[in-house]
Amino acid sequence: YHNTYDSITWENCDLRKWLNGEFFQKAFKGDAAKCVVESRVPAHYNPDYSTDPGNDTKDKVFLLSVKEVLQYFKTDEERICMPLPFVKSEGAGVYEYNGACVWWLRSPGEYQNRAASVQDGGSVFDRGVSVDNAFGAVRPALWIDLAS
């Protein structure tokens, strides 16, 4: 989420910069890139903690918030992330017993140096993981305009 153990929000974290920079440039080319909408990404509070979520951002690629992940993925089973071989080769932590991984959310955790995540069993861990933890995987979210 972030390269150092700092108080940070989605607005200023390293993962946001990477997703909207290097990742976007490599993942989307030509017409595909034109379909990705730069949209307002709200700085949702964590529903269980009053940690500062920062400011709204404008992003092409973002992470879901706690609020959104509960809205779009209704059950723990739907939230389980089974990583592709490429994700494993890039060092994302995968639990041997079920083959799933933990993935980051953009909402802050209990403290400003933690970010919420979804655990390998699909439960939302709103207390959060240290922002410099390298074990988490990334499930990018984006909006697409099919008319483009």
Protein backbone atom coordinates (compact mmCIF):
# COMPACT_ATOMS: atom_id res chain seq x y z
CA TYR A 1 0.00 0.00 0.00
CA HIS A 2 2.82 2.31 0.90
CA ASN A 3 6.60 1.84 0.88
CA THR A 4 7.13 3.12 4.42
CA TYR A 5 5.34 2.73 7.75
CA ASP A 6 3.71 6.17 7.78
CA SER A 7 0.42 7.82 8.54
CA ILE A 8 -1.09 7.85 5.06
CA THR A 9 -4.37 8.03 3.16
CA TRP A 10 -5.38 6.71 -0.24
CA GLU A 11 -4.85 10.20 -1.64
CA ASN A 12 -1.09 10.10 -0.99
CA CYS A 13 -0.17 6.41 -0.93
CA ASP A 14 2.36 4.78 -3.25
CA LEU A 15 -0.14 2.18 -4.47
CA ARG A 16 -2.44 4.88 -5.89
CA LYS A 17 0.47 6.47 -7.74
CA TRP A 18 1.53 3.11 -9.17
CA LEU A 19 -1.99 2.07 -10.24
CA ASN A 20 -2.63 5.33 -12.10
CA GLY A 21 0.88 5.53 -13.52
CA GLU A 22 2.98 2.49 -14.41
CA PHE A 23 0.19 -0.08 -14.00
CA PHE A 24 -2.29 1.86 -16.14
CA GLN A 25 0.26 2.50 -18.90
CA LYS A 26 1.21 -1.19 -19.09
CA ALA A 27 -2.28 -2.66 -18.71
CA PHE A 28 -4.25 -0.38 -21.05
CA LYS A 29 -3.23 0.58 -24.57
CA GLY A 30 -4.97 2.42 -27.42
CA ASP A 31 -8.74 2.08 -27.50
CA ALA A 32 -8.80 0.16 -24.20
CA ALA A 33 -7.15 3.10 -22.43
CA LYS A 34 -9.70 5.50 -23.92
CA CYS A 35 -12.57 3.49 -22.38
CA VAL A 36 -11.30 3.87 -18.81
CA VAL A 37 -13.06 6.78 -17.15
CA GLU A 38 -11.26 9.12 -14.79
CA SER A 39 -13.79 9.39 -11.99
CA ARG A 40 -14.28 10.94 -8.59
CA VAL A 41 -13.25 8.44 -5.93
CA PRO A 42 -14.86 9.33 -2.60
CA ALA A 43 -12.82 9.28 0.58
CA HIS A 44 -15.18 7.00 2.51
CA TYR A 45 -14.69 6.73 6.24
CA ASN A 46 -14.11 3.30 7.67
CA PRO A 47 -17.52 2.43 9.18
CA ASP A 48 -15.97 1.22 12.46
CA TYR A 49 -13.23 3.79 13.03
CA SER A 50 -12.98 7.57 12.78
CA THR A 51 -9.59 7.50 11.07
CA ASP A 52 -9.10 10.32 8.55
CA PRO A 53 -9.79 9.00 5.02
CA GLY A 54 -8.16 12.02 3.36
CA ASN A 55 -9.75 13.83 0.43
CA ASP A 56 -11.71 12.60 -2.57
CA THR A 57 -9.47 11.86 -5.55
CA LYS A 58 -9.83 11.63 -9.33
CA ASP A 59 -8.50 8.31 -10.56
CA LYS A 60 -8.73 5.98 -13.51
CA VAL A 61 -7.78 3.00 -11.34
CA PHE A 62 -8.52 2.71 -7.63
CA LEU A 63 -9.18 0.26 -4.82
CA LEU A 64 -12.60 -0.36 -3.38
CA SER A 65 -13.47 1.10 0.02
CA VAL A 66 -14.95 -0.94 2.88
CA LYS A 67 -18.37 0.51 1.98
CA GLU A 68 -18.02 -0.45 -1.71
CA VAL A 69 -16.67 -3.96 -1.15
CA LEU A 70 -19.67 -4.73 1.08
CA GLN A 71 -21.99 -3.24 -1.55
CA TYR A 72 -20.57 -5.08 -4.58
CA PHE A 73 -19.54 -8.38 -2.93
CA LYS A 74 -22.37 -9.50 -0.65
CA THR A 75 -20.75 -12.59 0.90
CA ASP A 76 -17.35 -13.65 2.17
CA GLU A 77 -17.27 -16.30 -0.56
CA GLU A 78 -17.67 -13.64 -3.28
CA ARG A 79 -14.76 -11.66 -1.80
CA ILE A 80 -12.24 -14.53 -1.80
CA CYS A 81 -9.38 -13.68 -4.16
CA MET A 82 -7.75 -16.54 -6.04
CA PRO A 83 -4.62 -15.04 -7.60
CA LEU A 84 -3.39 -15.66 -11.10
CA PRO A 85 0.07 -17.26 -11.51
CA PHE A 86 1.47 -13.83 -12.46
CA VAL A 87 0.32 -12.38 -9.13
CA LYS A 88 2.05 -15.19 -7.26
CA SER A 89 5.24 -14.66 -9.27
CA GLU A 90 5.21 -10.98 -8.29
CA GLY A 91 5.32 -11.93 -4.61
CA ALA A 92 1.75 -11.59 -3.39
CA GLY A 93 1.26 -13.72 -0.32
CA VAL A 94 -0.89 -16.78 -0.90
CA TYR A 95 -2.19 -19.03 1.86
CA GLU A 96 -1.31 -22.65 1.18
CA TYR A 97 -4.39 -24.13 2.84
CA ASN A 98 -6.87 -22.47 0.45
CA GLY A 99 -4.75 -20.86 -2.30
CA ALA A 100 -6.31 -17.43 -1.65
CA CYS A 101 -4.70 -14.11 -0.86
CA VAL A 102 -5.38 -11.00 1.19
CA TRP A 103 -6.20 -7.87 -0.85
CA TRP A 104 -6.04 -4.17 -0.04
CA LEU A 105 -8.91 -1.72 0.29
CA ARG A 106 -8.46 2.07 0.12
CA SER A 107 -10.19 2.77 3.44
CA PRO A 108 -7.99 3.55 6.41
CA GLY A 109 -7.81 1.04 9.23
CA GLU A 110 -8.04 1.59 12.97
CA TYR A 111 -4.94 3.80 12.86
CA GLN A 112 -3.61 6.11 10.16
CA ASN A 113 -0.72 3.73 9.40
CA ARG A 114 -3.08 0.85 8.62
CA ALA A 115 -5.31 0.17 5.62
CA ALA A 116 -8.37 -2.07 5.55
CA SER A 117 -8.20 -5.32 3.62
CA VAL A 118 -10.12 -8.43 2.68
CA GLN A 119 -8.75 -11.57 4.27
CA ASP A 120 -8.07 -14.87 2.50
CA GLY A 121 -11.43 -16.25 3.70
CA GLY A 122 -13.29 -13.22 2.30
CA SER A 123 -13.97 -11.36 5.54
CA VAL A 124 -13.39 -7.61 5.62
CA PHE A 125 -10.63 -6.70 8.05
CA ASP A 126 -11.59 -3.10 8.74
CA ARG A 127 -9.06 -2.79 11.59
CA GLY A 128 -6.47 -2.88 8.84
CA VAL A 129 -2.97 -4.07 8.06
CA SER A 130 0.23 -2.03 8.35
CA VAL A 131 0.52 0.04 5.18
CA ASP A 132 4.08 -1.18 4.54
CA ASN A 133 3.08 -4.86 4.64
CA ALA A 134 4.14 -6.49 1.37
CA PHE A 135 1.90 -9.57 1.77
CA GLY A 136 -1.28 -8.06 0.28
CA ALA A 137 -2.48 -8.40 -3.29
CA VAL A 138 -4.21 -5.74 -5.39
CA ARG A 139 -7.63 -6.01 -7.04
CA PRO A 140 -7.83 -2.87 -9.16
CA ALA A 141 -11.23 -1.28 -9.74
CA LEU A 142 -12.19 1.04 -12.58
CA TRP A 143 -15.15 2.40 -14.50
CA ILE A 144 -15.41 1.79 -18.24
CA ASP A 145 -17.36 3.82 -20.81
CA LEU A 146 -18.33 1.28 -23.48
CA ALA A 147 -19.51 4.07 -25.78
CA SER A 148 -15.95 5.41 -26.10
